[in-house]
C-alpha atoms as a PDB file:
ATOM      1  CA  MET A   1      14.522  30.213 -17.731  1.00  0.00           C
ATOM      2  CA  ILE A   2      13.154  27.079 -16.520  1.00  0.00           C
ATOM      3  CA  HIS A   3      11.401  28.775 -13.754  1.00  0.00           C
ATOM      4  CA  THR A   4       9.541  31.229 -16.289  1.00  0.00           C
ATOM      5  CA  ILE A   5       8.469  28.100 -18.098  1.00  0.00           C
ATOM      6  CA  ILE A   6       7.268  26.104 -15.713  1.00  0.00           C
ATOM      7  CA  LYS A   7       5.423  29.197 -14.446  1.00  0.00           C
ATOM      8  CA  ASN A   8       3.716  29.729 -18.007  1.00  0.00           C
ATOM      9  CA  LYS A   9       0.401  28.419 -17.111  1.00  0.00           C
ATOM     10  CA  PRO A  10      -0.379  26.801 -20.333  1.00  0.00           C
ATOM     11  CA  THR A  11       2.993  25.270 -20.893  1.00  0.00           C
ATOM     12  CA  ARG A  12       2.714  23.739 -17.202  1.00  0.00           C
ATOM     13  CA  LEU A  13      -0.654  22.053 -17.995  1.00  0.00           C
ATOM     14  CA  PHE A  14       0.672  20.827 -21.498  1.00  0.00           C
ATOM     15  CA  LEU A  15       3.641  19.060 -19.254  1.00  0.00           C
ATOM     16  CA  ILE A  16       0.851  17.704 -17.113  1.00  0.00           C
ATOM     17  CA  LEU A  17      -1.134  16.545 -19.355  1.00  0.00           C
ATOM     18  CA  ALA A  18       1.516  14.988 -21.770  1.00  0.00           C
ATOM     19  CA  GLY A  19       2.728  13.657 -18.692  1.00  0.00           C
ATOM     20  CA  PHE A  20      -0.283  11.619 -17.934  1.00  0.00           C
ATOM     21  CA  PHE A  21      -0.563  10.900 -21.624  1.00  0.00           C
ATOM     22  CA  ILE A  22       2.562   9.497 -22.432  1.00  0.00           C
ATOM     23  CA  ALA A  23       2.565   7.115 -19.262  1.00  0.00           C
ATOM     24  CA  ASN A  24      -0.892   6.008 -19.712  1.00  0.00           C
ATOM     25  CA  ALA A  25      -0.164   4.699 -23.005  1.00  0.00           C
ATOM     26  CA  LEU A  26       3.080   3.062 -22.272  1.00  0.00           C
ATOM     27  CA  ILE A  27       1.592   1.336 -19.014  1.00  0.00           C
ATOM     28  CA  ALA A  28      -1.142  -0.042 -21.087  1.00  0.00           C
ATOM     29  CA  GLU A  29       0.856  -1.429 -23.208  1.00  0.00           C
ATOM     30  CA  ILE A  30       2.890  -2.874 -20.806  1.00  0.00           C
ATOM     31  CA  ILE A  31       0.588  -4.713 -18.685  1.00  0.00           C
ATOM     32  CA  GLY A  32      -1.758  -5.543 -21.750  1.00  0.00           C
ATOM     33  CA  VAL A  33       0.022  -8.670 -22.191  1.00  0.00           C
ATOM     34  CA  LYS A  34      -2.262 -10.104 -19.302  1.00  0.00           C
ATOM     35  CA  ILE A  35      -5.789 -11.482 -20.262  1.00  0.00           C
ATOM     36  CA  PHE A  36      -8.630 -11.092 -17.638  1.00  0.00           C
ATOM     37  CA  SER A  37     -12.341 -11.980 -16.926  1.00  0.00           C
ATOM     38  CA  LEU A  38     -14.224  -8.565 -16.487  1.00  0.00           C
ATOM     39  CA  GLU A  39     -17.536 -11.198 -15.569  1.00  0.00           C
ATOM     40  CA  LYS A  40     -15.178 -12.590 -13.125  1.00  0.00           C
ATOM     41  CA  THR A  41     -13.531  -9.485 -12.125  1.00  0.00           C
ATOM     42  CA  LEU A  42     -17.119  -8.090 -11.330  1.00  0.00           C
ATOM     43  CA  GLY A  43     -18.060 -11.490  -9.564  1.00  0.00           C
ATOM     44  CA  ILE A  44     -20.192 -12.767 -11.965  1.00  0.00           C
ATOM     45  CA  GLU A  45     -20.492 -15.886 -14.259  1.00  0.00           C
ATOM     46  CA  PRO A  46     -19.017 -15.275 -18.078  1.00  0.00           C
ATOM     47  CA  LEU A  47     -21.844 -14.221 -20.192  1.00  0.00           C
ATOM     48  CA  LYS A  48     -21.209 -16.559 -23.028  1.00  0.00           C
ATOM     49  CA  ILE A  49     -22.459 -14.396 -25.936  1.00  0.00           C
ATOM     50  CA  ASN A  50     -22.926 -16.523 -29.256  1.00  0.00           C
ATOM     51  CA  LEU A  51     -21.716 -14.166 -31.584  1.00  0.00           C
ATOM     52  CA  MET A  52     -21.192 -15.753 -35.836  1.00  0.00           C
ATOM     53  CA  GLY A  53     -20.638 -19.121 -34.386  1.00  0.00           C
ATOM     54  CA  ASN A  54     -18.423 -18.190 -31.574  1.00  0.00           C
ATOM     55  CA  GLU A  55     -19.218 -18.511 -28.044  1.00  0.00           C
ATOM     56  CA  LEU A  56     -17.493 -15.701 -26.319  1.00  0.00           C
ATOM     57  CA  SER A  57     -16.712 -14.004 -23.047  1.00  0.00           C
ATOM     58  CA  PHE A  58     -15.417 -10.661 -21.851  1.00  0.00           C
ATOM     59  CA  ASN A  59     -12.007 -11.649 -21.850  1.00  0.00           C
ATOM     60  CA  LEU A  60      -9.891  -8.534 -22.037  1.00  0.00           C
ATOM     61  CA  THR A  61      -6.610  -7.331 -21.968  1.00  0.00           C
ATOM     62  CA  ALA A  62      -5.397  -5.561 -18.980  1.00  0.00           C
ATOM     63  CA  GLY A  63      -4.027  -2.582 -20.923  1.00  0.00           C
ATOM     64  CA  VAL A  64      -7.903  -1.446 -21.219  1.00  0.00           C
ATOM     65  CA  LEU A  65      -8.006  -0.359 -18.363  1.00  0.00           C
ATOM     66  CA  LEU A  66      -5.900   2.554 -18.820  1.00  0.00           C
ATOM     67  CA  TRP A  67      -6.694   3.285 -22.696  1.00  0.00           C
ATOM     68  CA  PRO A  68      -9.824   5.343 -21.965  1.00  0.00           C
ATOM     69  CA  VAL A  69      -7.700   7.421 -20.081  1.00  0.00           C
ATOM     70  CA  VAL A  70      -6.000   8.025 -22.710  1.00  0.00           C
ATOM     71  CA  PHE A  71      -8.581   8.956 -25.164  1.00  0.00           C
ATOM     72  CA  ILE A  72      -9.861  11.080 -22.678  1.00  0.00           C
ATOM     73  CA  MET A  73      -6.584  13.004 -22.497  1.00  0.00           C
ATOM     74  CA  THR A  74      -6.520  13.174 -26.384  1.00  0.00           C
ATOM     75  CA  ASP A  75      -9.841  15.063 -26.267  1.00  0.00           C
ATOM     76  CA  ILE A  76      -8.737  17.555 -23.647  1.00  0.00           C
ATOM     77  CA  ILE A  77      -5.383  18.197 -25.246  1.00  0.00           C
ATOM     78  CA  ASN A  78      -6.842  18.624 -28.767  1.00  0.00           C
ATOM     79  CA  GLU A  79      -9.456  21.148 -26.757  1.00  0.00           C
ATOM     80  CA  TYR A  80      -6.627  23.331 -25.848  1.00  0.00           C
ATOM     81  CA  TYR A  81      -4.209  22.953 -27.861  1.00  0.00           C
ATOM     82  CA  GLY A  82      -5.546  21.588 -31.283  1.00  0.00           C
ATOM     83  CA  MET A  83      -4.544  18.863 -33.644  1.00  0.00           C
ATOM     84  CA  ARG A  84      -0.541  19.912 -33.794  1.00  0.00           C
ATOM     85  CA  GLY A  85      -0.305  18.927 -30.160  1.00  0.00           C
ATOM     86  CA  VAL A  86      -2.052  15.930 -30.282  1.00  0.00           C
ATOM     87  CA  LYS A  87      -0.337  14.735 -33.301  1.00  0.00           C
ATOM     88  CA  PHE A  88       3.306  15.671 -31.637  1.00  0.00           C
ATOM     89  CA  LEU A  89       2.302  13.795 -28.620  1.00  0.00           C
ATOM     90  CA  SER A  90       0.805  10.689 -30.013  1.00  0.00           C
ATOM     91  CA  TRP A  91       3.826  10.343 -32.489  1.00  0.00           C
ATOM     92  CA  LEU A  92       6.153  11.208 -29.123  1.00  0.00           C
ATOM     93  CA  THR A  93       4.331   8.449 -27.130  1.00  0.00           C
ATOM     94  CA  ALA A  94       4.916   5.690 -30.315  1.00  0.00           C
ATOM     95  CA  GLY A  95       8.395   6.652 -30.462  1.00  0.00           C
ATOM     96  CA  LEU A  96       9.236   6.078 -26.717  1.00  0.00           C
ATOM     97  CA  ILE A  97       6.971   2.881 -26.628  1.00  0.00           C
ATOM     98  CA  ALA A  98       8.960   1.290 -29.559  1.00  0.00           C
ATOM     99  CA  PHE A  99      11.817   2.543 -27.609  1.00  0.00           C
ATOM    100  CA  ALA A 100      10.753   0.551 -24.420  1.00  0.00           C
ATOM    101  CA  PHE A 101      10.407  -2.289 -26.348  1.00  0.00           C
ATOM    102  CA  ILE A 102      13.708  -2.216 -27.912  1.00  0.00           C
ATOM    103  CA  VAL A 103      15.288  -2.178 -24.228  1.00  0.00           C
ATOM    104  CA  PHE A 104      13.256  -4.638 -23.081  1.00  0.00           C
ATOM    105  CA  VAL A 105      14.600  -6.797 -26.033  1.00  0.00           C
ATOM    106  CA  GLY A 106      17.862  -6.245 -24.446  1.00  0.00           C
ATOM    107  CA  ALA A 107      16.884  -6.903 -21.029  1.00  0.00           C
ATOM    108  CA  MET A 108      15.868 -10.314 -22.156  1.00  0.00           C
ATOM    109  CA  LYS A 109      19.034 -10.976 -24.265  1.00  0.00           C
ATOM    110  CA  LEU A 110      21.184 -10.537 -20.181  1.00  0.00           C
ATOM    111  CA  ALA A 111      22.558 -13.231 -18.776  1.00  0.00           C
ATOM    112  CA  PRO A 112      20.689 -14.608 -16.042  1.00  0.00           C
ATOM    113  CA  ALA A 113      22.210 -14.524 -12.416  1.00  0.00           C
ATOM    114  CA  ASP A 114      21.796 -18.809 -11.612  1.00  0.00           C
ATOM    115  CA  PHE A 115      20.100 -17.826  -7.840  1.00  0.00           C
ATOM    116  CA  PHE A 116      17.755 -14.917 -10.202  1.00  0.00           C
ATOM    117  CA  ILE A 117      16.465 -18.215 -12.102  1.00  0.00           C
ATOM    118  CA  SER A 118      15.314 -20.138  -9.057  1.00  0.00           C
ATOM    119  CA  SER A 119      14.744 -16.916  -6.630  1.00  0.00           C
ATOM    120  CA  LYS A 120      10.462 -17.483  -6.901  1.00  0.00           C
ATOM    121  CA  GLN A 121      10.305 -21.349  -6.764  1.00  0.00           C
ATOM    122  CA  GLY A 122       8.475 -21.099  -3.607  1.00  0.00           C
ATOM    123  CA  SER A 123       5.952 -18.271  -4.844  1.00  0.00           C
ATOM    124  CA  GLY A 124       5.173 -21.326  -7.613  1.00  0.00           C
ATOM    125  CA  VAL A 125       7.599 -19.869 -10.440  1.00  0.00           C
ATOM    126  CA  PRO A 126       9.976 -22.225 -11.745  1.00  0.00           C
ATOM    127  CA  ASP A 127      11.939 -20.309 -13.861  1.00  0.00           C
ATOM    128  CA  MET A 128      12.163 -16.438 -13.086  1.00  0.00           C
ATOM    129  CA  SER A 129      14.069 -15.978 -16.350  1.00  0.00           C
ATOM    130  CA  LYS A 130      11.622 -17.353 -18.678  1.00  0.00           C
ATOM    131  CA  ALA A 131       8.548 -16.138 -16.618  1.00  0.00           C
ATOM    132  CA  TYR A 132      10.081 -11.877 -17.140  1.00  0.00           C
ATOM    133  CA  ASN A 133      10.973 -12.728 -20.816  1.00  0.00           C
ATOM    134  CA  SER A 134       7.649 -14.172 -21.155  1.00  0.00           C
ATOM    135  CA  VAL A 135       5.676 -10.969 -19.575  1.00  0.00           C
ATOM    136  CA  LEU A 136       7.826  -8.085 -21.355  1.00  0.00           C
ATOM    137  CA  GLY A 137       8.339 -10.585 -24.891  1.00  0.00           C
ATOM    138  CA  GLN A 138       5.298  -9.294 -26.568  1.00  0.00           C
ATOM    139  CA  GLY A 139       5.599 -10.901 -30.009  1.00  0.00           C
ATOM    140  CA  GLY A 140       6.638  -8.536 -33.243  1.00  0.00           C
ATOM    141  CA  PHE A 141       3.283  -8.353 -34.895  1.00  0.00           C
ATOM    142  CA  ILE A 142       1.196  -7.282 -31.500  1.00  0.00           C
ATOM    143  CA  ILE A 143       3.509  -4.624 -30.968  1.00  0.00           C
ATOM    144  CA  ILE A 144       3.233  -3.501 -34.485  1.00  0.00           C
ATOM    145  CA  ALA A 145      -0.799  -4.071 -34.517  1.00  0.00           C
ATOM    146  CA  SER A 146      -0.745  -1.972 -31.314  1.00  0.00           C
ATOM    147  CA  LEU A 147       1.362   1.017 -32.580  1.00  0.00           C
ATOM    148  CA  THR A 148      -0.215   1.246 -36.148  1.00  0.00           C
ATOM    149  CA  ALA A 149      -3.507   1.063 -33.958  1.00  0.00           C
ATOM    150  CA  PHE A 150      -2.764   3.726 -31.365  1.00  0.00           C
ATOM    151  CA  ILE A 151      -1.421   6.199 -33.911  1.00  0.00           C
ATOM    152  CA  LEU A 152      -4.545   5.567 -36.586  1.00  0.00           C
ATOM    153  CA  SER A 153      -6.968   5.732 -33.699  1.00  0.00           C
ATOM    154  CA  GLN A 154      -5.236   9.137 -32.860  1.00  0.00           C
ATOM    155  CA  LEU A 155      -5.081  10.817 -35.998  1.00  0.00           C
ATOM    156  CA  ILE A 156      -8.746   9.899 -36.549  1.00  0.00           C
ATOM    157  CA  ASP A 157      -9.531  11.320 -33.484  1.00  0.00           C
ATOM    158  CA  VAL A 158      -8.411  14.326 -33.483  1.00  0.00           C
ATOM    159  CA  PHE A 159      -9.709  14.708 -37.205  1.00  0.00           C
ATOM    160  CA  ILE A 160     -13.752  13.622 -35.887  1.00  0.00           C
ATOM    161  CA  PHE A 161     -13.126  16.289 -33.084  1.00  0.00           C
ATOM    162  CA  HIS A 162     -12.504  18.888 -35.179  1.00  0.00           C
ATOM    163  CA  LYS A 163     -15.259  18.671 -37.518  1.00  0.00           C
ATOM    164  CA  ILE A 164     -17.688  18.307 -34.705  1.00  0.00           C
ATOM    165  CA  LYS A 165     -16.597  21.363 -32.696  1.00  0.00           C
ATOM    166  CA  LYS A 166     -16.520  23.103 -36.149  1.00  0.00           C
ATOM    167  CA  ALA A 167     -20.527  22.380 -36.833  1.00  0.00           C
ATOM    168  CA  THR A 168     -21.394  22.782 -33.214  1.00  0.00           C
ATOM    169  CA  GLY A 169     -19.359  25.415 -31.537  1.00  0.00           C
ATOM    170  CA  GLU A 170     -18.194  25.327 -27.932  1.00  0.00           C
ATOM    171  CA  LYS A 171     -21.514  23.501 -26.887  1.00  0.00           C
ATOM    172  CA  ASN A 172     -22.075  19.995 -26.646  1.00  0.00           C
ATOM    173  CA  ILE A 173     -18.687  18.977 -25.125  1.00  0.00           C
ATOM    174  CA  TRP A 174     -19.813  15.456 -24.664  1.00  0.00           C
ATOM    175  CA  LEU A 175     -20.349  14.959 -28.401  1.00  0.00           C
ATOM    176  CA  ARG A 176     -17.592  16.145 -29.859  1.00  0.00           C
ATOM    177  CA  ALA A 177     -15.371  14.163 -27.132  1.00  0.00           C
ATOM    178  CA  THR A 178     -17.281  11.005 -26.635  1.00  0.00           C
ATOM    179  CA  GLY A 179     -18.392  11.125 -30.614  1.00  0.00           C
ATOM    180  CA  SER A 180     -14.826  10.911 -31.765  1.00  0.00           C
ATOM    181  CA  THR A 181     -13.703   8.412 -28.810  1.00  0.00           C
ATOM    182  CA  LEU A 182     -16.478   6.285 -30.037  1.00  0.00           C
ATOM    183  CA  ILE A 183     -15.192   6.338 -33.505  1.00  0.00           C
ATOM    184  CA  SER A 184     -11.131   6.188 -33.422  1.00  0.00           C
ATOM    185  CA  GLN A 185     -11.862   3.270 -30.790  1.00  0.00           C
ATOM    186  CA  PHE A 186     -14.035   1.650 -33.204  1.00  0.00           C
ATOM    187  CA  ILE A 187     -11.019   1.466 -35.546  1.00  0.00           C
ATOM    188  CA  ASP A 188      -8.354   0.749 -32.738  1.00  0.00           C
ATOM    189  CA  SER A 189     -10.712  -2.221 -32.064  1.00  0.00           C
ATOM    190  CA  PHE A 190     -10.423  -3.839 -35.111  1.00  0.00           C
ATOM    191  CA  VAL A 191      -6.962  -3.156 -36.711  1.00  0.00           C
ATOM    192  CA  VAL A 192      -5.127  -4.365 -33.464  1.00  0.00           C
ATOM    193  CA  LEU A 193      -7.173  -7.348 -34.035  1.00  0.00           C
ATOM    194  CA  PHE A 194      -6.649  -7.840 -37.558  1.00  0.00           C
ATOM    195  CA  ILE A 195      -2.866  -6.946 -37.824  1.00  0.00           C
ATOM    196  CA  ALA A 196      -1.985  -8.973 -34.257  1.00  0.00           C
ATOM    197  CA  PHE A 197      -3.902 -12.129 -35.122  1.00  0.00           C
ATOM    198  CA  TYR A 198      -5.727 -12.403 -38.159  1.00  0.00           C
ATOM    199  CA  ILE A 199      -2.680 -12.005 -39.971  1.00  0.00           C
ATOM    200  CA  GLY A 200       0.121 -12.426 -37.175  1.00  0.00           C
ATOM    201  CA  THR A 201      -1.388 -15.967 -36.743  1.00  0.00           C
ATOM    202  CA  ARG A 202      -0.862 -16.696 -40.730  1.00  0.00           C
ATOM    203  CA  VAL A 203       2.538 -15.630 -41.102  1.00  0.00           C
ATOM    204  CA  ASN A 204       3.533 -17.008 -37.778  1.00  0.00           C
ATOM    205  CA  ARG A 205       2.144 -19.929 -38.476  1.00  0.00           C
ATOM    206  CA  SER A 206       3.972 -23.460 -37.299  1.00  0.00           C
ATOM    207  CA  GLY A 207       2.567 -26.728 -38.057  1.00  0.00           C
ATOM    208  CA  ASP A 208      -0.784 -27.284 -36.015  1.00  0.00           C
ATOM    209  CA  ASP A 209      -0.760 -23.665 -34.778  1.00  0.00           C
ATOM    210  CA  PHE A 210      -4.402 -21.826 -34.271  1.00  0.00           C
ATOM    211  CA  VAL A 211      -5.312 -19.434 -37.184  1.00  0.00           C
ATOM    212  CA  TRP A 212      -7.593 -17.160 -36.693  1.00  0.00           C
ATOM    213  CA  PRO A 213     -10.937 -17.196 -39.109  1.00  0.00           C
ATOM    214  CA  PHE A 214     -12.059 -14.365 -40.205  1.00  0.00           C
ATOM    215  CA  ASN A 215     -15.674 -14.873 -38.117  1.00  0.00           C
ATOM    216  CA  LEU A 216     -14.062 -15.120 -35.388  1.00  0.00           C
ATOM    217  CA  PHE A 217     -11.635 -11.598 -35.401  1.00  0.00           C
ATOM    218  CA  ILE A 218     -15.154 -10.201 -36.534  1.00  0.00           C
ATOM    219  CA  ALA A 219     -16.463 -11.464 -33.714  1.00  0.00           C
ATOM    220  CA  VAL A 220     -13.690 -10.356 -30.832  1.00  0.00           C
ATOM    221  CA  GLY A 221     -13.573  -7.205 -32.221  1.00  0.00           C
ATOM    222  CA  ILE A 222     -17.782  -6.731 -31.924  1.00  0.00           C
ATOM    223  CA  VAL A 223     -16.942  -7.585 -27.981  1.00  0.00           C
ATOM    224  CA  ASN A 224     -14.133  -5.756 -27.152  1.00  0.00           C
ATOM    225  CA  TYR A 225     -15.894  -2.666 -29.230  1.00  0.00           C
ATOM    226  CA  ILE A 226     -18.590  -3.112 -26.457  1.00  0.00           C
ATOM    227  CA  TYR A 227     -16.415  -2.797 -23.450  1.00  0.00           C
ATOM    228  CA  LYS A 228     -14.799   0.504 -24.947  1.00  0.00           C
ATOM    229  CA  PHE A 229     -18.169   1.884 -26.007  1.00  0.00           C
ATOM    230  CA  THR A 230     -19.503   1.574 -22.792  1.00  0.00           C
ATOM    231  CA  VAL A 231     -16.761   3.026 -20.778  1.00  0.00           C
ATOM    232  CA  ALA A 232     -17.178   5.464 -23.103  1.00  0.00           C
ATOM    233  CA  ILE A 233     -20.423   6.767 -22.330  1.00  0.00           C
ATOM    234  CA  VAL A 234     -19.769   6.128 -18.573  1.00  0.00           C
ATOM    235  CA  LEU A 235     -16.620   8.393 -18.481  1.00  0.00           C
ATOM    236  CA  THR A 236     -18.568  10.931 -20.242  1.00  0.00           C
ATOM    237  CA  PRO A 237     -18.969  13.044 -16.622  1.00  0.00           C
ATOM    238  CA  VAL A 238     -15.198  12.990 -16.435  1.00  0.00           C
ATOM    239  CA  ILE A 239     -14.595  15.053 -19.169  1.00  0.00           C
ATOM    240  CA  TYR A 240     -17.139  17.569 -18.206  1.00  0.00           C
ATOM    241  CA  LEU A 241     -14.879  17.731 -14.540  1.00  0.00           C
ATOM    242  CA  VAL A 242     -11.497  17.776 -16.119  1.00  0.00           C
ATOM    243  CA  HIS A 243     -13.223  20.691 -18.418  1.00  0.00           C
ATOM    244  CA  ASN A 244     -14.156  22.531 -14.977  1.00  0.00           C
ATOM    245  CA  ARG A 245     -10.696  21.801 -13.429  1.00  0.00           C
ATOM    246  CA  ILE A 246      -8.898  23.492 -16.132  1.00  0.00           C
ATOM    247  CA  GLU A 247     -11.211  26.194 -16.809  1.00  0.00           C
ATOM    248  CA  LYS A 248     -10.856  27.445 -13.379  1.00  0.00           C
ATOM    249  CA  TYR A 249      -7.273  26.946 -13.123  1.00  0.00           C
ATOM    250  CA  LEU A 250      -6.507  28.766 -16.303  1.00  0.00           C
ATOM    251  CA  GLY A 251      -9.148  31.198 -15.494  1.00  0.00           C
ATOM    252  CA  LYS A 252     -12.121  31.885 -18.620  1.00  0.00           C
ATOM    253  CA  GLU A 253     -10.276  34.565 -20.783  1.00  0.00           C
ATOM    254  CA  LEU A 254      -7.150  32.264 -20.997  1.00  0.00           C
ATOM    255  CA  ALA A 255      -9.201  29.009 -21.784  1.00  0.00           C
ATOM    256  CA  ALA A 256     -11.143  31.083 -23.827  1.00  0.00           C
ATOM    257  CA  GLU A 257      -8.097  32.214 -26.014  1.00  0.00           C
ATOM    258  CA  MET A 258      -6.655  28.773 -26.066  1.00  0.00           C
ATOM    259  CA  LYS A 259      -9.435  27.207 -27.115  1.00  0.00           C
ATOM    260  CA  ALA A 260      -9.909  29.697 -29.941  1.00  0.00           C
ATOM    261  CA  ALA A 261      -5.680  29.417 -30.810  1.00  0.00           C
ATOM    262  CA  ALA A 262      -6.917  25.273 -30.821  1.00  0.00           C
ATOM    263  CA  MET A 263      -9.577  25.394 -33.703  1.00  0.00           C
ATOM    264  CA  LYS A 264      -7.686  28.026 -35.995  1.00  0.00           C
ATOM    265  CA  ASP A 265      -4.628  25.589 -35.956  1.00  0.00           C
END
């Protein structure tokens, strides 16, 4: 039975795409705790963009390195397995991410061994237990914001994708793939910031803690979206490359049948 399932090309392809989809989304959530400077990574000085009274640079979460891959996988899965396939994987992924963070909380509650705490002092980490908890212990509002933005953007992506494809047919792959990504990423950029920081800093405020003003929320959202917009455009050729590889793997006849079924779904 297992051999028969794996031998089936559409099933095997779905398992491969689903694996990359879930793995990239989960890894992006975990590494997203790090904020990096895009300009310094590229070897240039921060741009210092004056936007709505705020001086901003491209300081982004490390998760943005993988989210474009997730959205490319979304469009590919949408193309061959329809809205049901994407929705199924989106809800499954959200559940697995939530499960992962529950496991992280449990791991953080474990009493550390004495030698573990001081095990990296020579590398400049005075307390490994605190470092471990700092990396894995993202705030509740950040987790809620991330999951909400992920599900909402995915549902919008599949909806826009199918609307464009119904209007244009099989041609203009770039339009339905890149167009749906640009719209869904716009929603994603602002939803996650709104819940995690604009609301989160107000609810969790203690004493003189910094509270995000509305103009900062909008400005940071715009900077984040500029990056995502640029990456979506740059990765458009990758969508065609993946499409061509899948068409060769499935064969034109089977690929056409799957795409037709995906549209009916």
